[in-house]
């Protein structure tokens, strides 16, 4: 399957990889059964955000997309076609990584990995704005993030964190092995210095700032409660995950309780048990693909 990559900024990491799921099988409004289209395409997009603790250059938009893409393509061709138009995967500027050092004077400068909050989130907003301008799919999309990619997915719908780029919010979010409370993550792993290091690498050492950007911590309309377009959330976690503990997903589910009860439309939160170690959720593709299919099943049940 061919992949197309676009640049949405000047930095080498500011790219988006896009693929059609089943271009030979066009869908129409009646086929989706999921909602009112606000753009020109009635089908849905799945937009992926890779993890890697905001700093791992070995995790890329293409490596995150490719394993699940082939599985989804086979699934959609052997069962009922998924109501997905395209999949996109966002690459964003990264923070420095001690195992992948760069000289501060690295040339060209647009290859330097020195991002600090809000750079990562600003890139997600910019990438979404680019896709919306090009394809005009409105809220007909689901954000899917793994680890810190799940953090970024929920931050993207938090009103209290703005980057100046405004666009329609997603209908659903799938968080895979997500990080939702930075301080809790550090406290749960105090004996492992890498947790303090990568959080500080992305957000600095101001711990109140950590709280102000943690999706499971921020309350009221400034947090996920302000995500009015949302209808379904799936929180996926594996008992075999040795890097991101269950407490993260449980805290996020608790915070989302108020969101589920708010608004005029029916909203639902679902917990999905997945298999494998932390990065196996996306490396092998099966669990990421299963999470995406499950999310669309729940949206279908809602008849969004």
C-alpha atoms as a PDB file:
ATOM      1  CA  UNK A   1       0.000   0.000   0.000  1.00  0.00           C
ATOM      2  CA  UNK A   2       1.369   3.376  -0.966  1.00  0.00           C
ATOM      3  CA  UNK A   3       2.045   5.985   1.681  1.00  0.00           C
ATOM      4  CA  UNK A   4       2.175   9.719   1.077  1.00  0.00           C
ATOM      5  CA  UNK A   5       4.103  12.060   3.348  1.00  0.00           C
ATOM      6  CA  UNK A   6       3.451  15.785   3.712  1.00  0.00           C
ATOM      7  CA  UNK A   7       5.359  18.502   5.555  1.00  0.00           C
ATOM      8  CA  UNK A   8       3.328  20.790   7.798  1.00  0.00           C
ATOM      9  CA  UNK A   9       6.281  22.883   9.028  1.00  0.00           C
ATOM     10  CA  UNK A  10       9.937  23.686   8.468  1.00  0.00           C
ATOM     11  CA  UNK A  11      11.399  21.127  10.880  1.00  0.00           C
ATOM     12  CA  UNK A  12      12.434  17.756   9.478  1.00  0.00           C
ATOM     13  CA  UNK A  13      10.172  16.002  11.999  1.00  0.00           C
ATOM     14  CA  UNK A  14       7.073  18.026  11.147  1.00  0.00           C
ATOM     15  CA  UNK A  15       5.570  15.523   8.731  1.00  0.00           C
ATOM     16  CA  UNK A  16       2.389  13.515   8.292  1.00  0.00           C
ATOM     17  CA  UNK A  17       2.186  10.111   6.623  1.00  0.00           C
ATOM     18  CA  UNK A  18      -1.188   9.360   5.007  1.00  0.00           C
ATOM     19  CA  UNK A  19      -2.646   6.143   3.581  1.00  0.00           C
ATOM     20  CA  UNK A  20      -6.004   5.054   2.171  1.00  0.00           C
ATOM     21  CA  UNK A  21      -7.464   2.034   3.921  1.00  0.00           C
ATOM     22  CA  UNK A  22      -9.559   0.719   1.035  1.00  0.00           C
ATOM     23  CA  UNK A  23      -9.519   3.156  -1.898  1.00  0.00           C
ATOM     24  CA  UNK A  24     -11.284   0.666  -4.168  1.00  0.00           C
ATOM     25  CA  UNK A  25     -14.318   0.541  -1.863  1.00  0.00           C
ATOM     26  CA  UNK A  26     -15.787   4.064  -1.598  1.00  0.00           C
ATOM     27  CA  UNK A  27     -18.299   4.583   1.186  1.00  0.00           C
ATOM     28  CA  UNK A  28     -21.226   6.959   1.371  1.00  0.00           C
ATOM     29  CA  UNK A  29     -23.189   8.509   4.235  1.00  0.00           C
ATOM     30  CA  UNK A  30     -25.448   5.480   4.587  1.00  0.00           C
ATOM     31  CA  UNK A  31     -22.516   3.105   4.875  1.00  0.00           C
ATOM     32  CA  UNK A  32     -20.940   4.702   7.905  1.00  0.00           C
ATOM     33  CA  UNK A  33     -23.848   4.639  10.323  1.00  0.00           C
ATOM     34  CA  UNK A  34     -21.766   6.933  12.504  1.00  0.00           C
ATOM     35  CA  UNK A  35     -22.789  10.457  12.519  1.00  0.00           C
ATOM     36  CA  UNK A  36     -23.214  13.694  10.683  1.00  0.00           C
ATOM     37  CA  UNK A  37     -20.339  14.695   8.473  1.00  0.00           C
ATOM     38  CA  UNK A  38     -19.104  18.242   9.000  1.00  0.00           C
ATOM     39  CA  UNK A  39     -16.712  18.220   6.066  1.00  0.00           C
ATOM     40  CA  UNK A  40     -16.828  16.999   2.475  1.00  0.00           C
ATOM     41  CA  UNK A  41     -16.117  13.309   3.153  1.00  0.00           C
ATOM     42  CA  UNK A  42     -18.667  11.196   5.043  1.00  0.00           C
ATOM     43  CA  UNK A  43     -16.106   8.605   6.044  1.00  0.00           C
ATOM     44  CA  UNK A  44     -13.849   8.775   9.074  1.00  0.00           C
ATOM     45  CA  UNK A  45     -10.155   9.393   9.493  1.00  0.00           C
ATOM     46  CA  UNK A  46      -7.930   7.674  12.031  1.00  0.00           C
ATOM     47  CA  UNK A  47      -5.085   9.945  13.091  1.00  0.00           C
ATOM     48  CA  UNK A  48      -2.197   8.316  14.941  1.00  0.00           C
ATOM     49  CA  UNK A  49       0.282   9.922  17.356  1.00  0.00           C
ATOM     50  CA  UNK A  50       3.342   7.821  18.213  1.00  0.00           C
ATOM     51  CA  UNK A  51       4.915   7.604  21.661  1.00  0.00           C
ATOM     52  CA  UNK A  52       8.515   7.427  22.797  1.00  0.00           C
ATOM     53  CA  UNK A  53       8.534   9.629  25.910  1.00  0.00           C
ATOM     54  CA  UNK A  54       8.520  12.783  23.764  1.00  0.00           C
ATOM     55  CA  UNK A  55      12.129  12.056  22.781  1.00  0.00           C
ATOM     56  CA  UNK A  56      12.755   8.683  21.081  1.00  0.00           C
ATOM     57  CA  UNK A  57      13.875   9.224  17.454  1.00  0.00           C
ATOM     58  CA  UNK A  58      13.530   5.515  16.661  1.00  0.00           C
ATOM     59  CA  UNK A  59       9.729   5.866  16.843  1.00  0.00           C
ATOM     60  CA  UNK A  60       8.365   7.547  13.735  1.00  0.00           C
ATOM     61  CA  UNK A  61       5.036   8.231  12.120  1.00  0.00           C
ATOM     62  CA  UNK A  62       5.631   5.542   9.506  1.00  0.00           C
ATOM     63  CA  UNK A  63       6.866   2.848  11.906  1.00  0.00           C
ATOM     64  CA  UNK A  64       3.793   3.432  14.083  1.00  0.00           C
ATOM     65  CA  UNK A  65       1.377   3.337  11.148  1.00  0.00           C
ATOM     66  CA  UNK A  66       2.616   0.494   8.961  1.00  0.00           C
ATOM     67  CA  UNK A  67       2.096  -2.657  11.125  1.00  0.00           C
ATOM     68  CA  UNK A  68      -1.510  -1.832  12.043  1.00  0.00           C
ATOM     69  CA  UNK A  69      -2.340  -0.529   8.575  1.00  0.00           C
ATOM     70  CA  UNK A  70      -1.819  -3.855   6.838  1.00  0.00           C
ATOM     71  CA  UNK A  71      -3.846  -5.682   9.494  1.00  0.00           C
ATOM     72  CA  UNK A  72      -6.699  -3.175   9.235  1.00  0.00           C
ATOM     73  CA  UNK A  73      -6.665  -3.487   5.468  1.00  0.00           C
ATOM     74  CA  UNK A  74      -7.034  -7.263   5.682  1.00  0.00           C
ATOM     75  CA  UNK A  75      -9.690  -6.991   8.403  1.00  0.00           C
ATOM     76  CA  UNK A  76     -11.719  -4.517   6.384  1.00  0.00           C
ATOM     77  CA  UNK A  77     -11.532  -6.643   3.229  1.00  0.00           C
ATOM     78  CA  UNK A  78     -12.598  -9.912   4.904  1.00  0.00           C
ATOM     79  CA  UNK A  79     -15.376  -8.552   7.126  1.00  0.00           C
ATOM     80  CA  UNK A  80     -17.651  -5.521   6.961  1.00  0.00           C
ATOM     81  CA  UNK A  81     -15.651  -2.594   5.558  1.00  0.00           C
ATOM     82  CA  UNK A  82     -14.564  -0.225   8.277  1.00  0.00           C
ATOM     83  CA  UNK A  83     -16.026   3.290   7.878  1.00  0.00           C
ATOM     84  CA  UNK A  84     -12.527   4.720   7.557  1.00  0.00           C
ATOM     85  CA  UNK A  85     -11.475   6.932   4.694  1.00  0.00           C
ATOM     86  CA  UNK A  86      -7.787   7.306   5.496  1.00  0.00           C
ATOM     87  CA  UNK A  87      -5.255   6.822   8.219  1.00  0.00           C
ATOM     88  CA  UNK A  88      -2.706   9.496   9.021  1.00  0.00           C
ATOM     89  CA  UNK A  89       0.271   9.356  11.370  1.00  0.00           C
ATOM     90  CA  UNK A  90       1.856  12.489  12.809  1.00  0.00           C
ATOM     91  CA  UNK A  91       5.555  13.028  13.376  1.00  0.00           C
ATOM     92  CA  UNK A  92       6.407  15.911  15.696  1.00  0.00           C
ATOM     93  CA  UNK A  93       9.459  17.687  17.100  1.00  0.00           C
ATOM     94  CA  UNK A  94      11.196  15.717  19.836  1.00  0.00           C
ATOM     95  CA  UNK A  95      13.053  16.576  23.005  1.00  0.00           C
ATOM     96  CA  UNK A  96      16.717  15.665  23.480  1.00  0.00           C
ATOM     97  CA  UNK A  97      17.539  12.016  24.206  1.00  0.00           C
ATOM     98  CA  UNK A  98      20.684  11.049  26.162  1.00  0.00           C
ATOM     99  CA  UNK A  99      21.074   7.842  24.184  1.00  0.00           C
ATOM    100  CA  UNK A 100      20.845   9.713  20.885  1.00  0.00           C
ATOM    101  CA  UNK A 101      22.935  12.831  21.558  1.00  0.00           C
ATOM    102  CA  UNK A 102      23.256  15.777  19.188  1.00  0.00           C
ATOM    103  CA  UNK A 103      25.576  18.745  19.274  1.00  0.00           C
ATOM    104  CA  UNK A 104      23.604  21.951  20.046  1.00  0.00           C
ATOM    105  CA  UNK A 105      25.103  23.411  16.875  1.00  0.00           C
ATOM    106  CA  UNK A 106      23.771  20.560  14.738  1.00  0.00           C
ATOM    107  CA  UNK A 107      23.267  21.542  11.114  1.00  0.00           C
ATOM    108  CA  UNK A 108      20.893  21.900   9.503  1.00  0.00           C
ATOM    109  CA  UNK A 109      19.096  23.391  12.473  1.00  0.00           C
ATOM    110  CA  UNK A 110      15.794  21.879  11.408  1.00  0.00           C
ATOM    111  CA  UNK A 111      17.103  18.444  12.402  1.00  0.00           C
ATOM    112  CA  UNK A 112      17.915  19.381  16.008  1.00  0.00           C
ATOM    113  CA  UNK A 113      15.834  17.556  18.613  1.00  0.00           C
ATOM    114  CA  UNK A 114      15.418  20.134  21.367  1.00  0.00           C
ATOM    115  CA  UNK A 115      11.652  20.529  21.742  1.00  0.00           C
ATOM    116  CA  UNK A 116      10.113  21.669  25.018  1.00  0.00           C
ATOM    117  CA  UNK A 117       6.460  21.942  25.938  1.00  0.00           C
ATOM    118  CA  UNK A 118       4.365  23.282  24.256  1.00  0.00           C
ATOM    119  CA  UNK A 119       6.327  22.428  21.082  1.00  0.00           C
ATOM    120  CA  UNK A 120       5.107  18.817  20.863  1.00  0.00           C
ATOM    121  CA  UNK A 121       1.451  19.773  21.277  1.00  0.00           C
ATOM    122  CA  UNK A 122       1.798  22.786  18.970  1.00  0.00           C
ATOM    123  CA  UNK A 123       2.934  20.361  16.282  1.00  0.00           C
ATOM    124  CA  UNK A 124      -0.090  18.118  16.819  1.00  0.00           C
ATOM    125  CA  UNK A 125      -2.401  21.120  16.497  1.00  0.00           C
ATOM    126  CA  UNK A 126      -0.547  22.317  13.398  1.00  0.00           C
ATOM    127  CA  UNK A 127      -0.701  18.857  11.816  1.00  0.00           C
ATOM    128  CA  UNK A 128      -4.439  18.580  12.472  1.00  0.00           C
ATOM    129  CA  UNK A 129      -4.990  22.060  11.015  1.00  0.00           C
ATOM    130  CA  UNK A 130      -3.003  21.049   7.920  1.00  0.00           C
ATOM    131  CA  UNK A 131      -5.091  17.911   7.415  1.00  0.00           C
ATOM    132  CA  UNK A 132      -8.358  19.774   7.996  1.00  0.00           C
ATOM    133  CA  UNK A 133      -7.426  22.451   5.475  1.00  0.00           C
ATOM    134  CA  UNK A 134      -6.479  19.844   2.876  1.00  0.00           C
ATOM    135  CA  UNK A 135      -9.220  17.255   3.394  1.00  0.00           C
ATOM    136  CA  UNK A 136     -12.005  19.062   5.315  1.00  0.00           C
ATOM    137  CA  UNK A 137     -13.250  16.109   7.378  1.00  0.00           C
ATOM    138  CA  UNK A 138     -14.492  18.173  10.342  1.00  0.00           C
ATOM    139  CA  UNK A 139     -15.025  16.120  13.497  1.00  0.00           C
ATOM    140  CA  UNK A 140     -15.207  12.877  11.539  1.00  0.00           C
ATOM    141  CA  UNK A 141     -12.008  11.491  12.956  1.00  0.00           C
ATOM    142  CA  UNK A 142     -10.613   9.495  15.855  1.00  0.00           C
ATOM    143  CA  UNK A 143      -7.325  10.361  17.524  1.00  0.00           C
ATOM    144  CA  UNK A 144      -5.209   7.350  18.473  1.00  0.00           C
ATOM    145  CA  UNK A 145      -2.145   7.769  20.651  1.00  0.00           C
ATOM    146  CA  UNK A 146       0.313   5.403  22.295  1.00  0.00           C
ATOM    147  CA  UNK A 147       2.061   6.292  25.585  1.00  0.00           C
ATOM    148  CA  UNK A 148       2.937  10.009  25.378  1.00  0.00           C
ATOM    149  CA  UNK A 149       1.033  10.007  22.084  1.00  0.00           C
ATOM    150  CA  UNK A 150      -2.079   9.326  24.164  1.00  0.00           C
ATOM    151  CA  UNK A 151      -1.124  12.274  26.379  1.00  0.00           C
ATOM    152  CA  UNK A 152      -0.928  14.461  23.284  1.00  0.00           C
ATOM    153  CA  UNK A 153      -4.256  13.156  21.974  1.00  0.00           C
ATOM    154  CA  UNK A 154      -6.094  14.245  25.108  1.00  0.00           C
ATOM    155  CA  UNK A 155      -4.117  17.479  25.426  1.00  0.00           C
ATOM    156  CA  UNK A 156      -5.257  18.301  21.895  1.00  0.00           C
ATOM    157  CA  UNK A 157      -8.879  18.587  23.096  1.00  0.00           C
ATOM    158  CA  UNK A 158      -8.130  20.462  26.337  1.00  0.00           C
ATOM    159  CA  UNK A 159      -9.249  24.090  26.075  1.00  0.00           C
ATOM    160  CA  UNK A 160      -6.733  25.209  28.658  1.00  0.00           C
ATOM    161  CA  UNK A 161      -3.771  24.326  26.413  1.00  0.00           C
ATOM    162  CA  UNK A 162      -3.911  26.352  23.222  1.00  0.00           C
ATOM    163  CA  UNK A 163      -1.307  26.693  20.498  1.00  0.00           C
ATOM    164  CA  UNK A 164      -3.165  29.224  18.375  1.00  0.00           C
ATOM    165  CA  UNK A 165      -4.204  26.594  15.821  1.00  0.00           C
ATOM    166  CA  UNK A 166      -7.929  25.979  16.072  1.00  0.00           C
ATOM    167  CA  UNK A 167      -9.757  23.155  14.279  1.00  0.00           C
ATOM    168  CA  UNK A 168     -12.614  20.730  14.844  1.00  0.00           C
ATOM    169  CA  UNK A 169     -12.064  18.255  17.663  1.00  0.00           C
ATOM    170  CA  UNK A 170     -12.372  14.476  17.162  1.00  0.00           C
ATOM    171  CA  UNK A 171     -15.435  12.331  17.759  1.00  0.00           C
ATOM    172  CA  UNK A 172     -13.407   9.732  19.641  1.00  0.00           C
ATOM    173  CA  UNK A 173     -10.043   9.068  21.267  1.00  0.00           C
ATOM    174  CA  UNK A 174      -8.232   5.767  21.705  1.00  0.00           C
ATOM    175  CA  UNK A 175      -5.460   5.914  24.292  1.00  0.00           C
ATOM    176  CA  UNK A 176      -3.062   2.954  24.157  1.00  0.00           C
ATOM    177  CA  UNK A 177      -0.857   2.459  27.239  1.00  0.00           C
ATOM    178  CA  UNK A 178      -1.293   6.148  27.896  1.00  0.00           C
ATOM    179  CA  UNK A 179       0.372   8.643  30.226  1.00  0.00           C
ATOM    180  CA  UNK A 180      -2.287  10.861  31.792  1.00  0.00           C
ATOM    181  CA  UNK A 181      -0.818  12.104  35.094  1.00  0.00           C
ATOM    182  CA  UNK A 182       2.856  13.085  34.891  1.00  0.00           C
ATOM    183  CA  UNK A 183       3.451  13.470  38.607  1.00  0.00           C
ATOM    184  CA  UNK A 184       1.737  10.144  39.359  1.00  0.00           C
ATOM    185  CA  UNK A 185       3.874   8.419  36.738  1.00  0.00           C
ATOM    186  CA  UNK A 186       7.061   9.764  38.312  1.00  0.00           C
ATOM    187  CA  UNK A 187       5.893   8.893  41.815  1.00  0.00           C
ATOM    188  CA  UNK A 188       5.012   5.350  40.756  1.00  0.00           C
ATOM    189  CA  UNK A 189       8.559   4.884  39.469  1.00  0.00           C
ATOM    190  CA  UNK A 190      10.659   6.938  41.886  1.00  0.00           C
ATOM    191  CA  UNK A 191      13.355   4.295  41.902  1.00  0.00           C
ATOM    192  CA  UNK A 192      13.921   4.705  38.148  1.00  0.00           C
ATOM    193  CA  UNK A 193      15.572   8.026  37.349  1.00  0.00           C
ATOM    194  CA  UNK A 194      14.634   7.864  33.653  1.00  0.00           C
ATOM    195  CA  UNK A 195      11.047   8.840  34.460  1.00  0.00           C
ATOM    196  CA  UNK A 196      12.072  12.099  36.149  1.00  0.00           C
ATOM    197  CA  UNK A 197      14.547  12.713  33.332  1.00  0.00           C
ATOM    198  CA  UNK A 198      12.225  12.333  30.364  1.00  0.00           C
ATOM    199  CA  UNK A 199       9.412  14.297  32.007  1.00  0.00           C
ATOM    200  CA  UNK A 200      11.813  17.140  32.805  1.00  0.00           C
ATOM    201  CA  UNK A 201      13.245  16.841  29.306  1.00  0.00           C
ATOM    202  CA  UNK A 202       9.827  17.583  27.838  1.00  0.00           C
ATOM    203  CA  UNK A 203       8.244  19.842  30.468  1.00  0.00           C
ATOM    204  CA  UNK A 204      11.040  21.187  32.675  1.00  0.00           C
ATOM    205  CA  UNK A 205      11.264  20.810  36.453  1.00  0.00           C
ATOM    206  CA  UNK A 206       8.194  22.926  37.347  1.00  0.00           C
ATOM    207  CA  UNK A 207       5.927  20.231  38.799  1.00  0.00           C
ATOM    208  CA  UNK A 208       2.830  22.477  39.023  1.00  0.00           C
ATOM    209  CA  UNK A 209       3.219  22.831  35.238  1.00  0.00           C
ATOM    210  CA  UNK A 210       3.182  19.045  34.974  1.00  0.00           C
ATOM    211  CA  UNK A 211      -0.196  19.063  36.719  1.00  0.00           C
ATOM    212  CA  UNK A 212      -1.549  21.817  34.471  1.00  0.00           C
ATOM    213  CA  UNK A 213      -0.901  19.752  31.327  1.00  0.00           C
ATOM    214  CA  UNK A 214      -1.852  16.305  32.669  1.00  0.00           C
ATOM    215  CA  UNK A 215      -5.204  15.255  31.139  1.00  0.00           C
ATOM    216  CA  UNK A 216      -6.198  13.257  34.225  1.00  0.00           C
ATOM    217  CA  UNK A 217      -5.498  16.166  36.579  1.00  0.00           C
ATOM    218  CA  UNK A 218      -7.021  19.267  34.977  1.00  0.00           C
ATOM    219  CA  UNK A 219     -10.653  19.704  35.986  1.00  0.00           C
ATOM    220  CA  UNK A 220     -13.515  21.710  34.512  1.00  0.00           C
ATOM    221  CA  UNK A 221     -13.873  23.121  31.017  1.00  0.00           C
ATOM    222  CA  UNK A 222     -10.137  23.786  30.764  1.00  0.00           C
ATOM    223  CA  UNK A 223      -9.566  20.031  30.705  1.00  0.00           C
ATOM    224  CA  UNK A 224     -11.225  17.151  28.880  1.00  0.00           C
ATOM    225  CA  UNK A 225     -14.628  18.287  30.182  1.00  0.00           C
ATOM    226  CA  UNK A 226     -14.451  21.021  27.544  1.00  0.00           C
ATOM    227  CA  UNK A 227     -14.288  18.447  24.743  1.00  0.00           C
ATOM    228  CA  UNK A 228     -17.866  18.899  23.580  1.00  0.00           C
ATOM    229  CA  UNK A 229     -17.546  17.092  20.243  1.00  0.00           C
ATOM    230  CA  UNK A 230     -16.409  13.852  21.851  1.00  0.00           C
ATOM    231  CA  UNK A 231     -18.640  10.811  22.077  1.00  0.00           C
ATOM    232  CA  UNK A 232     -16.425   7.825  22.843  1.00  0.00           C
ATOM    233  CA  UNK A 233     -13.160   7.160  24.665  1.00  0.00           C
ATOM    234  CA  UNK A 234     -11.328   3.854  24.778  1.00  0.00           C
ATOM    235  CA  UNK A 235      -8.524   3.383  27.312  1.00  0.00           C
ATOM    236  CA  UNK A 236      -6.382   0.362  26.455  1.00  0.00           C
ATOM    237  CA  UNK A 237      -3.905  -1.214  28.859  1.00  0.00           C
ATOM    238  CA  UNK A 238      -1.926  -4.438  29.090  1.00  0.00           C
ATOM    239  CA  UNK A 239      -1.200  -6.242  32.352  1.00  0.00           C
ATOM    240  CA  UNK A 240       2.170  -7.132  30.812  1.00  0.00           C
ATOM    241  CA  UNK A 241       3.123  -3.468  30.393  1.00  0.00           C
ATOM    242  CA  UNK A 242       6.137  -2.911  32.626  1.00  0.00           C
ATOM    243  CA  UNK A 243       6.657   0.762  31.748  1.00  0.00           C
ATOM    244  CA  UNK A 244       3.254   2.424  32.140  1.00  0.00           C
ATOM    245  CA  UNK A 245       1.172   1.107  35.022  1.00  0.00           C
ATOM    246  CA  UNK A 246      -2.583   0.604  35.235  1.00  0.00           C
ATOM    247  CA  UNK A 247      -2.933   3.542  37.644  1.00  0.00           C
ATOM    248  CA  UNK A 248      -2.617   5.915  34.682  1.00  0.00           C
ATOM    249  CA  UNK A 249      -5.671   4.547  32.874  1.00  0.00           C
ATOM    250  CA  UNK A 250      -7.684   4.232  36.072  1.00  0.00           C
ATOM    251  CA  UNK A 251      -6.985   7.875  36.943  1.00  0.00           C
ATOM    252  CA  UNK A 252      -7.976   8.965  33.439  1.00  0.00           C
ATOM    253  CA  UNK A 253     -11.186   6.955  33.585  1.00  0.00           C
ATOM    254  CA  UNK A 254     -12.064   8.618  36.878  1.00  0.00           C
ATOM    255  CA  UNK A 255     -11.447  12.080  35.441  1.00  0.00           C
ATOM    256  CA  UNK A 256     -13.506  11.297  32.347  1.00  0.00           C
ATOM    257  CA  UNK A 257     -16.484  10.372  34.508  1.00  0.00           C
ATOM    258  CA  UNK A 258     -17.677  13.990  34.610  1.00  0.00           C
ATOM    259  CA  UNK A 259     -17.231  14.308  30.848  1.00  0.00           C
ATOM    260  CA  UNK A 260     -19.284  11.151  30.257  1.00  0.00           C
ATOM    261  CA  UNK A 261     -22.192  12.628  32.222  1.00  0.00           C
ATOM    262  CA  UNK A 262     -22.011  16.104  30.673  1.00  0.00           C
ATOM    263  CA  UNK A 263     -23.504  17.439  27.451  1.00  0.00           C
ATOM    264  CA  UNK A 264     -26.715  16.695  25.616  1.00  0.00           C
ATOM    265  CA  UNK A 265     -25.416  13.686  23.705  1.00  0.00           C
ATOM    266  CA  UNK A 266     -24.772  10.187  24.978  1.00  0.00           C
ATOM    267  CA  UNK A 267     -21.096   9.624  25.758  1.00  0.00           C
ATOM    268  CA  UNK A 268     -19.236   6.511  26.793  1.00  0.00           C
ATOM    269  CA  UNK A 269     -15.892   5.478  28.259  1.00  0.00           C
ATOM    270  CA  UNK A 270     -14.615   1.970  27.621  1.00  0.00           C
ATOM    271  CA  UNK A 271     -11.670   0.048  28.991  1.00  0.00           C
ATOM    272  CA  UNK A 272      -9.935  -2.407  26.668  1.00  0.00           C
ATOM    273  CA  UNK A 273      -7.539  -5.044  27.940  1.00  0.00           C
ATOM    274  CA  UNK A 274      -4.719  -5.612  25.463  1.00  0.00           C
ATOM    275  CA  UNK A 275      -1.749  -7.980  25.409  1.00  0.00           C
ATOM    276  CA  UNK A 276       1.994  -7.593  25.316  1.00  0.00           C
ATOM    277  CA  UNK A 277       4.695  -5.339  26.698  1.00  0.00           C
ATOM    278  CA  UNK A 278       4.549  -1.563  26.425  1.00  0.00           C
ATOM    279  CA  UNK A 279       5.679  -1.085  22.815  1.00  0.00           C
ATOM    280  CA  UNK A 280       4.233  -4.354  21.561  1.00  0.00           C
ATOM    281  CA  UNK A 281       0.878  -2.565  21.470  1.00  0.00           C
ATOM    282  CA  UNK A 282       2.001  -0.929  18.226  1.00  0.00           C
ATOM    283  CA  UNK A 283       5.170  -2.768  17.089  1.00  0.00           C
ATOM    284  CA  UNK A 284       3.319  -5.930  16.056  1.00  0.00           C
ATOM    285  CA  UNK A 285       0.235  -4.038  14.930  1.00  0.00           C
ATOM    286  CA  UNK A 286      -2.386  -6.530  16.152  1.00  0.00           C
ATOM    287  CA  UNK A 287      -3.349  -4.795  19.381  1.00  0.00           C
ATOM    288  CA  UNK A 288      -3.345  -1.314  17.869  1.00  0.00           C
ATOM    289  CA  UNK A 289      -5.538  -2.536  15.025  1.00  0.00           C
ATOM    290  CA  UNK A 290      -7.838  -4.316  17.490  1.00  0.00           C
ATOM    291  CA  UNK A 291      -8.139  -1.140  19.525  1.00  0.00           C
ATOM    292  CA  UNK A 292      -9.108   0.855  16.432  1.00  0.00           C
ATOM    293  CA  UNK A 293     -11.737  -1.690  15.378  1.00  0.00           C
ATOM    294  CA  UNK A 294     -13.099  -1.781  18.945  1.00  0.00           C
ATOM    295  CA  UNK A 295     -13.352   2.015  19.050  1.00  0.00           C
ATOM    296  CA  UNK A 296     -15.374   2.106  15.850  1.00  0.00           C
ATOM    297  CA  UNK A 297     -17.630  -0.642  17.170  1.00  0.00           C
ATOM    298  CA  UNK A 298     -18.399   1.530  20.190  1.00  0.00           C
ATOM    299  CA  UNK A 299     -19.043   4.570  18.007  1.00  0.00           C
ATOM    300  CA  UNK A 300     -21.349   2.421  15.880  1.00  0.00           C
ATOM    301  CA  UNK A 301     -23.253   1.375  19.005  1.00  0.00           C
ATOM    302  CA  UNK A 302     -23.747   5.043  19.835  1.00  0.00           C
ATOM    303  CA  UNK A 303     -24.980   5.753  16.290  1.00  0.00           C
ATOM    304  CA  UNK A 304     -23.023   9.004  16.539  1.00  0.00           C
END
